[in-house]
Amino acid sequence: MSPEYAMEGMFSIKSDVYSFGVLMLEIVTGKRNSSYYNEKTNFNMVGHVWELWRDGKCMDILNSTLDEEFAEEASRCVQIGLLCVQEYASDRPNVVSSSVHVGE
């Protein structure tokens, strides 16, 4: 649930962007945000990934079943996921129009 919806009941397309970011982080970490809690830092999964990113250790939380050959792609997925879970909706990326194709 996006922070603006949880705190103020405000829902927008940027709330969906937040949810997409959480889903992407859940996939690459193999952990569910709703059930993950780090006792050392009192963070949920998203907060823990942010902390690791700031410390330059985001690869430490990746799903152990991911092969080394996917490290670069997984790192990009973490970056995209973190862009999508920015605290302020205005800082999150816009949804790309369906007429735009990746790689163009």
C-alpha atoms as a PDB file:
ATOM      1  CA  MET A   1       0.000   0.000   0.000  1.00  0.00           C
ATOM      2  CA  SER A   2       1.447   3.351  -0.993  1.00  0.00           C
ATOM      3  CA  PRO A   3       2.292   5.802   1.807  1.00  0.00           C
ATOM      4  CA  GLU A   4      -0.131   8.463   0.553  1.00  0.00           C
ATOM      5  CA  TYR A   5      -2.985   5.956   0.533  1.00  0.00           C
ATOM      6  CA  ALA A   6      -2.102   4.490   3.924  1.00  0.00           C
ATOM      7  CA  MET A   7      -1.737   7.897   5.598  1.00  0.00           C
ATOM      8  CA  GLU A   8      -4.219  10.123   3.768  1.00  0.00           C
ATOM      9  CA  GLY A   9      -6.531   7.844   1.814  1.00  0.00           C
ATOM     10  CA  MET A  10      -5.279   9.419  -1.432  1.00  0.00           C
ATOM     11  CA  PHE A  11      -5.126   7.012  -4.371  1.00  0.00           C
ATOM     12  CA  SER A  12      -3.687   7.765  -7.816  1.00  0.00           C
ATOM     13  CA  ILE A  13      -1.852   6.125 -10.678  1.00  0.00           C
ATOM     14  CA  LYS A  14       1.319   6.711  -8.667  1.00  0.00           C
ATOM     15  CA  SER A  15      -0.121   4.347  -6.042  1.00  0.00           C
ATOM     16  CA  ASP A  16      -0.098   1.642  -8.710  1.00  0.00           C
ATOM     17  CA  VAL A  17       3.510   2.534  -9.530  1.00  0.00           C
ATOM     18  CA  TYR A  18       4.361   2.018  -5.853  1.00  0.00           C
ATOM     19  CA  SER A  19       2.663  -1.388  -5.867  1.00  0.00           C
ATOM     20  CA  PHE A  20       4.550  -2.364  -9.024  1.00  0.00           C
ATOM     21  CA  GLY A  21       7.834  -1.447  -7.308  1.00  0.00           C
ATOM     22  CA  VAL A  22       6.986  -3.553  -4.280  1.00  0.00           C
ATOM     23  CA  LEU A  23       6.104  -6.490  -6.529  1.00  0.00           C
ATOM     24  CA  MET A  24       9.377  -6.148  -8.447  1.00  0.00           C
ATOM     25  CA  LEU A  25      11.379  -6.096  -5.201  1.00  0.00           C
ATOM     26  CA  GLU A  26       9.461  -9.111  -3.909  1.00  0.00           C
ATOM     27  CA  ILE A  27      10.349 -11.051  -7.048  1.00  0.00           C
ATOM     28  CA  VAL A  28      14.080 -10.325  -6.992  1.00  0.00           C
ATOM     29  CA  THR A  29      14.413 -10.832  -3.233  1.00  0.00           C
ATOM     30  CA  GLY A  30      12.137 -13.842  -2.941  1.00  0.00           C
ATOM     31  CA  LYS A  31      10.553 -12.223   0.119  1.00  0.00           C
ATOM     32  CA  ARG A  32       7.081 -10.808   0.719  1.00  0.00           C
ATOM     33  CA  ASN A  33       6.967  -7.223   1.930  1.00  0.00           C
ATOM     34  CA  SER A  34       3.904  -7.933   4.062  1.00  0.00           C
ATOM     35  CA  SER A  35       5.582 -10.719   6.029  1.00  0.00           C
ATOM     36  CA  TYR A  36       9.211  -9.538   6.071  1.00  0.00           C
ATOM     37  CA  TYR A  37      10.581  -7.841   9.165  1.00  0.00           C
ATOM     38  CA  ASN A  38      14.229  -7.227  10.013  1.00  0.00           C
ATOM     39  CA  GLU A  39      14.565  -7.218  13.810  1.00  0.00           C
ATOM     40  CA  LYS A  40      17.969  -5.494  13.743  1.00  0.00           C
ATOM     41  CA  THR A  41      16.706  -2.446  11.859  1.00  0.00           C
ATOM     42  CA  ASN A  42      12.920  -2.555  12.441  1.00  0.00           C
ATOM     43  CA  PHE A  43      12.389  -2.329   8.654  1.00  0.00           C
ATOM     44  CA  ASN A  44      10.016  -4.111   6.347  1.00  0.00           C
ATOM     45  CA  MET A  45      11.459  -5.539   3.126  1.00  0.00           C
ATOM     46  CA  VAL A  46      11.265  -2.240   1.205  1.00  0.00           C
ATOM     47  CA  GLY A  47      13.019  -0.333   4.000  1.00  0.00           C
ATOM     48  CA  HIS A  48      15.676  -3.023   4.275  1.00  0.00           C
ATOM     49  CA  VAL A  49      16.375  -2.903   0.515  1.00  0.00           C
ATOM     50  CA  TRP A  50      16.691   0.902   0.734  1.00  0.00           C
ATOM     51  CA  GLU A  51      19.180   0.530   3.585  1.00  0.00           C
ATOM     52  CA  LEU A  52      21.247  -2.021   1.666  1.00  0.00           C
ATOM     53  CA  TRP A  53      21.143   0.186  -1.459  1.00  0.00           C
ATOM     54  CA  ARG A  54      22.491   3.167   0.500  1.00  0.00           C
ATOM     55  CA  ASP A  55      25.284   0.966   1.883  1.00  0.00           C
ATOM     56  CA  GLY A  56      26.146  -0.363  -1.589  1.00  0.00           C
ATOM     57  CA  LYS A  57      25.057  -3.879  -0.619  1.00  0.00           C
ATOM     58  CA  CYS A  58      21.757  -4.323  -2.454  1.00  0.00           C
ATOM     59  CA  MET A  59      22.967  -7.576  -3.992  1.00  0.00           C
ATOM     60  CA  ASP A  60      22.999  -9.101  -0.485  1.00  0.00           C
ATOM     61  CA  ILE A  61      19.211  -9.416  -0.401  1.00  0.00           C
ATOM     62  CA  LEU A  62      18.719 -11.001  -3.818  1.00  0.00           C
ATOM     63  CA  ASN A  63      16.959 -14.345  -3.989  1.00  0.00           C
ATOM     64  CA  SER A  64      19.606 -17.041  -3.504  1.00  0.00           C
ATOM     65  CA  THR A  65      18.116 -19.074  -6.359  1.00  0.00           C
ATOM     66  CA  LEU A  66      19.124 -16.403  -8.898  1.00  0.00           C
ATOM     67  CA  ASP A  67      22.188 -17.423 -10.854  1.00  0.00           C
ATOM     68  CA  GLU A  68      25.227 -15.141 -10.887  1.00  0.00           C
ATOM     69  CA  GLU A  69      24.639 -14.559 -14.589  1.00  0.00           C
ATOM     70  CA  PHE A  70      21.475 -12.603 -13.748  1.00  0.00           C
ATOM     71  CA  ALA A  71      23.169 -10.250 -11.255  1.00  0.00           C
ATOM     72  CA  GLU A  72      23.213  -7.283 -13.637  1.00  0.00           C
ATOM     73  CA  GLU A  73      19.544  -7.692 -14.570  1.00  0.00           C
ATOM     74  CA  ALA A  74      18.575  -8.216 -10.929  1.00  0.00           C
ATOM     75  CA  SER A  75      20.455  -5.052  -9.980  1.00  0.00           C
ATOM     76  CA  ARG A  76      18.486  -3.112 -12.602  1.00  0.00           C
ATOM     77  CA  CYS A  77      15.251  -4.564 -11.241  1.00  0.00           C
ATOM     78  CA  VAL A  78      16.216  -3.388  -7.735  1.00  0.00           C
ATOM     79  CA  GLN A  79      16.925   0.103  -9.101  1.00  0.00           C
ATOM     80  CA  ILE A  80      13.578   0.233 -10.917  1.00  0.00           C
ATOM     81  CA  GLY A  81      11.765  -1.140  -7.877  1.00  0.00           C
ATOM     82  CA  LEU A  82      13.333   1.482  -5.622  1.00  0.00           C
ATOM     83  CA  LEU A  83      12.437   4.269  -8.061  1.00  0.00           C
ATOM     84  CA  CYS A  84       8.833   3.090  -7.879  1.00  0.00           C
ATOM     85  CA  VAL A  85       8.675   2.992  -4.060  1.00  0.00           C
ATOM     86  CA  GLN A  86       9.806   6.575  -3.466  1.00  0.00           C
ATOM     87  CA  GLU A  87       8.060   8.011  -0.413  1.00  0.00           C
ATOM     88  CA  TYR A  88       6.582  10.947  -2.334  1.00  0.00           C
ATOM     89  CA  ALA A  89       4.335  10.090  -5.272  1.00  0.00           C
ATOM     90  CA  SER A  90       5.727  12.985  -7.319  1.00  0.00           C
ATOM     91  CA  ASP A  91       9.193  11.372  -7.170  1.00  0.00           C
ATOM     92  CA  ARG A  92       7.977   8.094  -8.691  1.00  0.00           C
ATOM     93  CA  PRO A  93       8.192   7.474 -12.448  1.00  0.00           C
ATOM     94  CA  ASN A  94       5.169   7.810 -14.695  1.00  0.00           C
ATOM     95  CA  VAL A  95       3.523   4.820 -16.267  1.00  0.00           C
ATOM     96  CA  VAL A  96       4.722   4.402 -19.837  1.00  0.00           C
ATOM     97  CA  SER A  97       2.117   4.638 -22.564  1.00  0.00           C
ATOM     98  CA  SER A  98       1.246   1.353 -24.256  1.00  0.00           C
ATOM     99  CA  SER A  99       2.351   2.885 -27.569  1.00  0.00           C
ATOM    100  CA  VAL A 100       5.967   3.092 -26.390  1.00  0.00           C
ATOM    101  CA  HIS A 101       8.068  -0.045 -26.789  1.00  0.00           C
ATOM    102  CA  VAL A 102      11.035  -0.904 -24.626  1.00  0.00           C
ATOM    103  CA  GLY A 103      14.313  -0.587 -26.486  1.00  0.00           C
ATOM    104  CA  GLU A 104      13.205   2.142 -28.874  1.00  0.00           C
END
